[in-house]
Amino acid sequence: MSPPTALGAEPTRRDHAVAQAGHPGTLAPLLPAGARIPPATPPAKEDP
């Protein structure tokens, strides 16, 4: 079991909402399908 999965397993089992913050491309393969992954940083702004 990966560390992100292990950390979210118990709260999820207790029906708490769990989200892992980070780069979705990095975390997605480590987490169960349907895991919430909000980005750790806001999207880059385009130059005017």
Protein backbone atom coordinates (compact mmCIF):
# COMPACT_ATOMS: atom_id res chain seq x y z
CA MET A 1 0.00 0.00 0.00
CA SER A 2 1.40 3.41 -0.96
CA PRO A 3 1.79 6.07 1.77
CA PRO A 4 -0.96 8.34 0.35
CA THR A 5 -3.37 5.40 0.22
CA ALA A 6 -2.48 4.29 3.73
CA LEU A 7 -2.97 7.79 5.16
CA GLY A 8 -6.41 8.14 3.62
CA ALA A 9 -7.66 4.63 4.30
CA GLU A 10 -8.80 5.00 7.92
CA PRO A 11 -10.65 8.34 7.53
CA THR A 12 -12.30 6.98 4.36
CA ARG A 13 -13.36 3.85 6.24
CA ARG A 14 -15.01 6.14 8.81
CA ASP A 15 -16.96 7.95 6.06
CA HIS A 16 -14.87 11.13 6.16
CA ALA A 17 -14.15 13.02 2.95
CA VAL A 18 -10.47 12.60 2.05
CA ALA A 19 -8.42 14.49 -0.53
CA GLN A 20 -4.71 14.31 -1.33
CA ALA A 21 -3.18 17.62 -2.48
CA GLY A 22 -0.42 17.46 -5.04
CA HIS A 23 0.31 16.98 -8.73
CA PRO A 24 -2.51 14.84 -10.13
CA GLY A 25 -0.20 13.09 -12.59
CA THR A 26 2.04 11.96 -9.75
CA LEU A 27 -0.60 11.01 -7.20
CA ALA A 28 -3.28 9.45 -9.43
CA PRO A 29 -1.41 6.14 -9.97
CA LEU A 30 -0.86 5.82 -6.20
CA LEU A 31 -4.47 6.33 -5.14
CA PRO A 32 -7.68 4.37 -5.55
CA ALA A 33 -9.93 5.21 -8.50
CA GLY A 34 -12.10 8.25 -7.82
CA ALA A 35 -9.73 9.80 -5.27
CA ARG A 36 -9.98 13.58 -4.97
CA ILE A 37 -6.72 15.31 -5.91
CA PRO A 38 -6.93 19.11 -5.76
CA PRO A 39 -3.82 20.77 -7.23
CA ALA A 40 -1.21 21.90 -4.69
CA THR A 41 -0.69 25.18 -6.54
CA PRO A 42 -3.05 27.41 -8.50
CA PRO A 43 -2.93 27.23 -12.31
CA ALA A 44 -0.32 29.50 -13.91
CA LYS A 45 -1.67 32.85 -15.12
CA GLU A 46 -1.16 33.79 -18.74
CA ASP A 47 0.82 36.94 -19.49
CA PRO A 48 -1.39 39.81 -20.71
